[in-house]
């Protein structure tokens, strides 16, 4: 299962208490394919907070934490 497939499954999980809205999901990928970025940001913007390219370096991690947590 890839990340997009996992996000599709997540959408199917019942959420009677609206907890999914509080989740922060960042897609971390090694793909440099611009189609993956487009797919993530256009088709999955309801479930992902951000999209980052590997490697996850300290400055990127710090930026995510400071802005979203």
PDB file of N, CA and C in Angstrom:
ATOM      1  N   UNK A   1       0.844  -1.170   0.000  1.00  0.00           N
ATOM      2  CA  UNK A   1       0.000   0.000   0.000  1.00  0.00           C
ATOM      3  C   UNK A   1       0.894   1.239   0.000  1.00  0.00           C
ATOM      4  N   UNK A   2       0.625   2.158  -0.906  1.00  0.00           N
ATOM      5  CA  UNK A   2       1.389   3.396  -0.916  1.00  0.00           C
ATOM      6  C   UNK A   2       0.651   4.472  -0.106  1.00  0.00           C
ATOM      7  N   UNK A   3       1.225   5.639  -0.030  1.00  0.00           N
ATOM      8  CA  UNK A   3       0.634   6.708   0.776  1.00  0.00           C
ATOM      9  C   UNK A   3      -0.727   7.158   0.278  1.00  0.00           C
ATOM     10  N   UNK A   4      -0.909   7.199  -1.031  1.00  0.00           N
ATOM     11  CA  UNK A   4      -2.201   7.604  -1.576  1.00  0.00           C
ATOM     12  C   UNK A   4      -3.275   6.565  -1.246  1.00  0.00           C
ATOM     13  N   UNK A   5      -2.913   5.309  -1.338  1.00  0.00           N
ATOM     14  CA  UNK A   5      -3.859   4.243  -0.983  1.00  0.00           C
ATOM     15  C   UNK A   5      -4.229   4.328   0.497  1.00  0.00           C
ATOM     16  N   UNK A   6      -3.248   4.621   1.340  1.00  0.00           N
ATOM     17  CA  UNK A   6      -3.519   4.757   2.776  1.00  0.00           C
ATOM     18  C   UNK A   6      -4.467   5.923   3.036  1.00  0.00           C
ATOM     19  N   UNK A   7      -4.259   7.039   2.349  1.00  0.00           N
ATOM     20  CA  UNK A   7      -5.151   8.189   2.516  1.00  0.00           C
ATOM     21  C   UNK A   7      -6.565   7.860   2.061  1.00  0.00           C
ATOM     22  N   UNK A   8      -6.687   7.074   1.004  1.00  0.00           N
ATOM     23  CA  UNK A   8      -8.019   6.631   0.559  1.00  0.00           C
ATOM     24  C   UNK A   8      -8.702   5.818   1.650  1.00  0.00           C
ATOM     25  N   UNK A   9      -7.952   4.930   2.298  1.00  0.00           N
ATOM     26  CA  UNK A   9      -8.507   4.125   3.395  1.00  0.00           C
ATOM     27  C   UNK A   9      -8.893   5.013   4.576  1.00  0.00           C
ATOM     28  N   UNK A  10      -8.067   6.001   4.872  1.00  0.00           N
ATOM     29  CA  UNK A  10      -8.353   6.908   5.975  1.00  0.00           C
ATOM     30  C   UNK A  10      -9.675   7.643   5.747  1.00  0.00           C
ATOM     31  N   UNK A  11      -9.924   8.034   4.540  1.00  0.00           N
ATOM     32  CA  UNK A  11     -11.187   8.716   4.224  1.00  0.00           C
ATOM     33  C   UNK A  11     -12.405   7.850   4.537  1.00  0.00           C
ATOM     34  N   UNK A  12     -12.241   6.538   4.460  1.00  0.00           N
ATOM     35  CA  UNK A  12     -13.358   5.618   4.693  1.00  0.00           C
ATOM     36  C   UNK A  12     -13.621   5.341   6.176  1.00  0.00           C
ATOM     37  N   UNK A  13     -12.694   5.711   7.032  1.00  0.00           N
ATOM     38  CA  UNK A  13     -12.856   5.452   8.461  1.00  0.00           C
ATOM     39  C   UNK A  13     -13.938   6.381   9.016  1.00  0.00           C
ATOM     40  N   UNK A  14     -14.938   5.806   9.679  1.00  0.00           N
ATOM     41  CA  UNK A  14     -15.976   6.652  10.275  1.00  0.00           C
ATOM     42  C   UNK A  14     -15.361   7.624  11.288  1.00  0.00           C
ATOM     43  N   UNK A  15     -15.916   8.808  11.343  1.00  0.00           N
ATOM     44  CA  UNK A  15     -15.381   9.846  12.226  1.00  0.00           C
ATOM     45  C   UNK A  15     -16.534  10.580  12.929  1.00  0.00           C
ATOM     46  N   UNK A  16     -17.266   9.871  13.802  1.00  0.00           N
ATOM     47  CA  UNK A  16     -18.452  10.483  14.411  1.00  0.00           C
ATOM     48  C   UNK A  16     -18.134  11.668  15.329  1.00  0.00           C
ATOM     49  N   UNK A  17     -16.909  11.779  15.807  1.00  0.00           N
ATOM     50  CA  UNK A  17     -16.549  12.874  16.706  1.00  0.00           C
ATOM     51  C   UNK A  17     -15.673  13.931  16.036  1.00  0.00           C
ATOM     52  N   UNK A  18     -15.563  13.883  14.713  1.00  0.00           N
ATOM     53  CA  UNK A  18     -14.790  14.855  13.911  1.00  0.00           C
ATOM     54  C   UNK A  18     -13.336  14.984  14.375  1.00  0.00           C
ATOM     55  N   UNK A  19     -12.726  13.883  14.711  1.00  0.00           N
ATOM     56  CA  UNK A  19     -11.328  13.898  15.155  1.00  0.00           C
ATOM     57  C   UNK A  19     -10.350  14.005  13.990  1.00  0.00           C
ATOM     58  N   UNK A  20     -10.759  13.580  12.824  1.00  0.00           N
ATOM     59  CA  UNK A  20      -9.846  13.652  11.668  1.00  0.00           C
ATOM     60  C   UNK A  20      -9.482  15.095  11.335  1.00  0.00           C
ATOM     61  N   UNK A  21     -10.386  16.019  11.601  1.00  0.00           N
ATOM     62  CA  UNK A  21     -10.112  17.426  11.314  1.00  0.00           C
ATOM     63  C   UNK A  21      -8.954  17.963  12.154  1.00  0.00           C
ATOM     64  N   UNK A  22      -8.697  17.333  13.287  1.00  0.00           N
ATOM     65  CA  UNK A  22      -7.622  17.775  14.179  1.00  0.00           C
ATOM     66  C   UNK A  22      -6.286  17.131  13.839  1.00  0.00           C
ATOM     67  N   UNK A  23      -6.311  16.110  12.987  1.00  0.00           N
ATOM     68  CA  UNK A  23      -5.080  15.408  12.619  1.00  0.00           C
ATOM     69  C   UNK A  23      -4.225  16.264  11.699  1.00  0.00           C
ATOM     70  N   UNK A  24      -2.920  16.134  11.822  1.00  0.00           N
ATOM     71  CA  UNK A  24      -1.979  16.800  10.937  1.00  0.00           C
ATOM     72  C   UNK A  24      -1.153  15.716  10.252  1.00  0.00           C
ATOM     73  N   UNK A  25      -1.376  15.527   8.973  1.00  0.00           N
ATOM     74  CA  UNK A  25      -0.678  14.499   8.208  1.00  0.00           C
ATOM     75  C   UNK A  25       0.202  15.190   7.172  1.00  0.00           C
ATOM     76  N   UNK A  26       1.473  14.857   7.202  1.00  0.00           N
ATOM     77  CA  UNK A  26       2.425  15.375   6.227  1.00  0.00           C
ATOM     78  C   UNK A  26       2.908  14.225   5.369  1.00  0.00           C
ATOM     79  N   UNK A  27       2.796  14.372   4.079  1.00  0.00           N
ATOM     80  CA  UNK A  27       3.274  13.348   3.168  1.00  0.00           C
ATOM     81  C   UNK A  27       4.767  13.574   2.962  1.00  0.00           C
ATOM     82  N   UNK A  28       5.546  12.579   3.317  1.00  0.00           N
ATOM     83  CA  UNK A  28       6.998  12.615   3.158  1.00  0.00           C
ATOM     84  C   UNK A  28       7.353  11.602   2.076  1.00  0.00           C
ATOM     85  N   UNK A  29       7.962  12.074   0.994  1.00  0.00           N
ATOM     86  CA  UNK A  29       8.192  11.202  -0.154  1.00  0.00           C
ATOM     87  C   UNK A  29       9.591  11.390  -0.734  1.00  0.00           C
ATOM     88  N   UNK A  30      10.036  10.373  -1.380  1.00  0.00           N
ATOM     89  CA  UNK A  30      11.292  10.446  -2.116  1.00  0.00           C
ATOM     90  C   UNK A  30      11.042  10.743  -3.583  1.00  0.00           C
ATOM     91  N   UNK A  31       9.778  10.843  -3.966  1.00  0.00           N
ATOM     92  CA  UNK A  31       9.412  11.071  -5.362  1.00  0.00           C
ATOM     93  C   UNK A  31       9.639  12.523  -5.759  1.00  0.00           C
ATOM     94  N   UNK A  32      10.300  12.719  -6.869  1.00  0.00           N
ATOM     95  CA  UNK A  32      10.475  14.054  -7.432  1.00  0.00           C
ATOM     96  C   UNK A  32       9.505  14.298  -8.587  1.00  0.00           C
ATOM     97  N   UNK A  33       8.581  13.381  -8.770  1.00  0.00           N
ATOM     98  CA  UNK A  33       7.598  13.466  -9.844  1.00  0.00           C
ATOM     99  C   UNK A  33       6.597  14.586  -9.521  1.00  0.00           C
ATOM    100  N   UNK A  34       6.524  15.613 -10.353  1.00  0.00           N
ATOM    101  CA  UNK A  34       5.584  16.712 -10.085  1.00  0.00           C
ATOM    102  C   UNK A  34       4.120  16.264 -10.060  1.00  0.00           C
ATOM    103  N   UNK A  35       3.825  15.152 -10.732  1.00  0.00           N
ATOM    104  CA  UNK A  35       2.454  14.630 -10.709  1.00  0.00           C
ATOM    105  C   UNK A  35       2.058  14.165  -9.310  1.00  0.00           C
ATOM    106  N   UNK A  36       3.016  13.641  -8.548  1.00  0.00           N
ATOM    107  CA  UNK A  36       2.728  13.216  -7.181  1.00  0.00           C
ATOM    108  C   UNK A  36       2.382  14.418  -6.305  1.00  0.00           C
ATOM    109  N   UNK A  37       3.130  15.501  -6.464  1.00  0.00           N
ATOM    110  CA  UNK A  37       2.838  16.722  -5.706  1.00  0.00           C
ATOM    111  C   UNK A  37       1.455  17.255  -6.079  1.00  0.00           C
ATOM    112  N   UNK A  38       1.166  17.285  -7.361  1.00  0.00           N
ATOM    113  CA  UNK A  38      -0.124  17.778  -7.838  1.00  0.00           C
ATOM    114  C   UNK A  38      -1.262  16.911  -7.300  1.00  0.00           C
ATOM    115  N   UNK A  39      -1.106  15.607  -7.379  1.00  0.00           N
ATOM    116  CA  UNK A  39      -2.123  14.688  -6.873  1.00  0.00           C
ATOM    117  C   UNK A  39      -2.354  14.895  -5.378  1.00  0.00           C
ATOM    118  N   UNK A  40      -1.267  14.993  -4.624  1.00  0.00           N
ATOM    119  CA  UNK A  40      -1.380  15.160  -3.172  1.00  0.00           C
ATOM    120  C   UNK A  40      -2.063  16.470  -2.805  1.00  0.00           C
ATOM    121  N   UNK A  41      -1.638  17.548  -3.424  1.00  0.00           N
ATOM    122  CA  UNK A  41      -2.152  18.860  -3.025  1.00  0.00           C
ATOM    123  C   UNK A  41      -3.529  19.168  -3.597  1.00  0.00           C
ATOM    124  N   UNK A  42      -3.882  18.555  -4.703  1.00  0.00           N
ATOM    125  CA  UNK A  42      -5.198  18.808  -5.290  1.00  0.00           C
ATOM    126  C   UNK A  42      -6.248  17.789  -4.850  1.00  0.00           C
ATOM    127  N   UNK A  43      -5.872  16.517  -4.827  1.00  0.00           N
ATOM    128  CA  UNK A  43      -6.862  15.478  -4.544  1.00  0.00           C
ATOM    129  C   UNK A  43      -6.919  15.049  -3.076  1.00  0.00           C
ATOM    130  N   UNK A  44      -5.904  15.391  -2.318  1.00  0.00           N
ATOM    131  CA  UNK A  44      -5.855  14.941  -0.917  1.00  0.00           C
ATOM    132  C   UNK A  44      -5.705  16.096   0.063  1.00  0.00           C
ATOM    133  N   UNK A  45      -5.999  17.296  -0.380  1.00  0.00           N
ATOM    134  CA  UNK A  45      -5.841  18.456   0.502  1.00  0.00           C
ATOM    135  C   UNK A  45      -6.793  18.402   1.692  1.00  0.00           C
ATOM    136  N   UNK A  46      -7.832  17.587   1.599  1.00  0.00           N
ATOM    137  CA  UNK A  46      -8.760  17.440   2.719  1.00  0.00           C
ATOM    138  C   UNK A  46      -8.192  16.572   3.836  1.00  0.00           C
ATOM    139  N   UNK A  47      -7.151  15.793   3.544  1.00  0.00           N
ATOM    140  CA  UNK A  47      -6.591  14.901   4.575  1.00  0.00           C
ATOM    141  C   UNK A  47      -5.117  15.149   4.886  1.00  0.00           C
ATOM    142  N   UNK A  48      -4.395  15.827   4.006  1.00  0.00           N
ATOM    143  CA  UNK A  48      -2.990  16.102   4.326  1.00  0.00           C
ATOM    144  C   UNK A  48      -2.792  17.581   4.625  1.00  0.00           C
ATOM    145  N   UNK A  49      -1.875  17.832   5.514  1.00  0.00           N
ATOM    146  CA  UNK A  49      -1.535  19.199   5.896  1.00  0.00           C
ATOM    147  C   UNK A  49      -0.393  19.717   5.035  1.00  0.00           C
ATOM    148  N   UNK A  50       0.510  18.828   4.648  1.00  0.00           N
ATOM    149  CA  UNK A  50       1.653  19.264   3.867  1.00  0.00           C
ATOM    150  C   UNK A  50       2.289  18.132   3.097  1.00  0.00           C
ATOM    151  N   UNK A  51       3.181  18.518   2.216  1.00  0.00           N
ATOM    152  CA  UNK A  51       3.874  17.582   1.329  1.00  0.00           C
ATOM    153  C   UNK A  51       5.338  17.971   1.341  1.00  0.00           C
ATOM    154  N   UNK A  52       6.198  17.050   1.723  1.00  0.00           N
ATOM    155  CA  UNK A  52       7.631  17.330   1.806  1.00  0.00           C
ATOM    156  C   UNK A  52       8.422  16.251   1.075  1.00  0.00           C
ATOM    157  N   UNK A  53       9.560  16.657   0.519  1.00  0.00           N
ATOM    158  CA  UNK A  53      10.463  15.732  -0.165  1.00  0.00           C
ATOM    159  C   UNK A  53      11.550  15.288   0.818  1.00  0.00           C
ATOM    160  N   UNK A  54      11.870  13.997   0.770  1.00  0.00           N
ATOM    161  CA  UNK A  54      12.954  13.467   1.608  1.00  0.00           C
ATOM    162  C   UNK A  54      14.279  14.016   1.130  1.00  0.00           C
ATOM    163  N   UNK A  55      15.255  14.109   1.956  1.00  0.00           N
ATOM    164  CA  UNK A  55      15.274  13.682   3.349  1.00  0.00           C
ATOM    165  C   UNK A  55      14.623  14.731   4.243  1.00  0.00           C
ATOM    166  N   UNK A  56      14.078  14.254   5.348  1.00  0.00           N
ATOM    167  CA  UNK A  56      13.498  15.148   6.341  1.00  0.00           C
ATOM    168  C   UNK A  56      14.639  15.657   7.213  1.00  0.00           C
ATOM    169  N   UNK A  57      15.077  16.870   6.909  1.00  0.00           N
ATOM    170  CA  UNK A  57      16.186  17.455   7.662  1.00  0.00           C
ATOM    171  C   UNK A  57      15.640  18.258   8.832  1.00  0.00           C
ATOM    172  N   UNK A  58      16.503  18.572   9.750  1.00  0.00           N
ATOM    173  CA  UNK A  58      16.089  19.237  10.982  1.00  0.00           C
ATOM    174  C   UNK A  58      15.335  20.542  10.733  1.00  0.00           C
ATOM    175  N   UNK A  59      15.773  21.340   9.789  1.00  0.00           N
ATOM    176  CA  UNK A  59      15.107  22.630   9.544  1.00  0.00           C
ATOM    177  C   UNK A  59      13.673  22.449   9.039  1.00  0.00           C
ATOM    178  N   UNK A  60      13.439  21.439   8.218  1.00  0.00           N
ATOM    179  CA  UNK A  60      12.085  21.168   7.735  1.00  0.00           C
ATOM    180  C   UNK A  60      11.219  20.681   8.886  1.00  0.00           C
ATOM    181  N   UNK A  61      11.765  19.769   9.692  1.00  0.00           N
ATOM    182  CA  UNK A  61      11.031  19.259  10.843  1.00  0.00           C
ATOM    183  C   UNK A  61      10.681  20.398  11.809  1.00  0.00           C
ATOM    184  N   UNK A  62      11.636  21.256  12.080  1.00  0.00           N
ATOM    185  CA  UNK A  62      11.416  22.388  12.986  1.00  0.00           C
ATOM    186  C   UNK A  62      10.343  23.318  12.429  1.00  0.00           C
ATOM    187  N   UNK A  63      10.379  23.574  11.138  1.00  0.00           N
ATOM    188  CA  UNK A  63       9.376  24.419  10.497  1.00  0.00           C
ATOM    189  C   UNK A  63       7.983  23.826  10.665  1.00  0.00           C
ATOM    190  N   UNK A  64       7.852  22.536  10.441  1.00  0.00           N
ATOM    191  CA  UNK A  64       6.552  21.862  10.592  1.00  0.00           C
ATOM    192  C   UNK A  64       6.057  22.000  12.028  1.00  0.00           C
ATOM    193  N   UNK A  65       6.902  21.699  12.977  1.00  0.00           N
ATOM    194  CA  UNK A  65       6.511  21.767  14.392  1.00  0.00           C
ATOM    195  C   UNK A  65       6.107  23.189  14.775  1.00  0.00           C
ATOM    196  N   UNK A  66       6.877  24.170  14.383  1.00  0.00           N
ATOM    197  CA  UNK A  66       6.583  25.553  14.760  1.00  0.00           C
ATOM    198  C   UNK A  66       5.278  26.061  14.152  1.00  0.00           C
ATOM    199  N   UNK A  67       4.985  25.663  12.939  1.00  0.00           N
ATOM    200  CA  UNK A  67       3.790  26.177  12.268  1.00  0.00           C
ATOM    201  C   UNK A  67       2.516  25.401  12.562  1.00  0.00           C
ATOM    202  N   UNK A  68       2.624  24.135  12.918  1.00  0.00           N
ATOM    203  CA  UNK A  68       1.419  23.312  13.034  1.00  0.00           C
ATOM    204  C   UNK A  68       1.166  22.705  14.409  1.00  0.00           C
ATOM    205  N   UNK A  69       2.146  22.831  15.333  1.00  0.00           N
ATOM    206  CA  UNK A  69       1.932  22.193  16.644  1.00  0.00           C
ATOM    207  C   UNK A  69       2.198  23.147  17.781  1.00  0.00           C
TER     208      UNK A  69
END
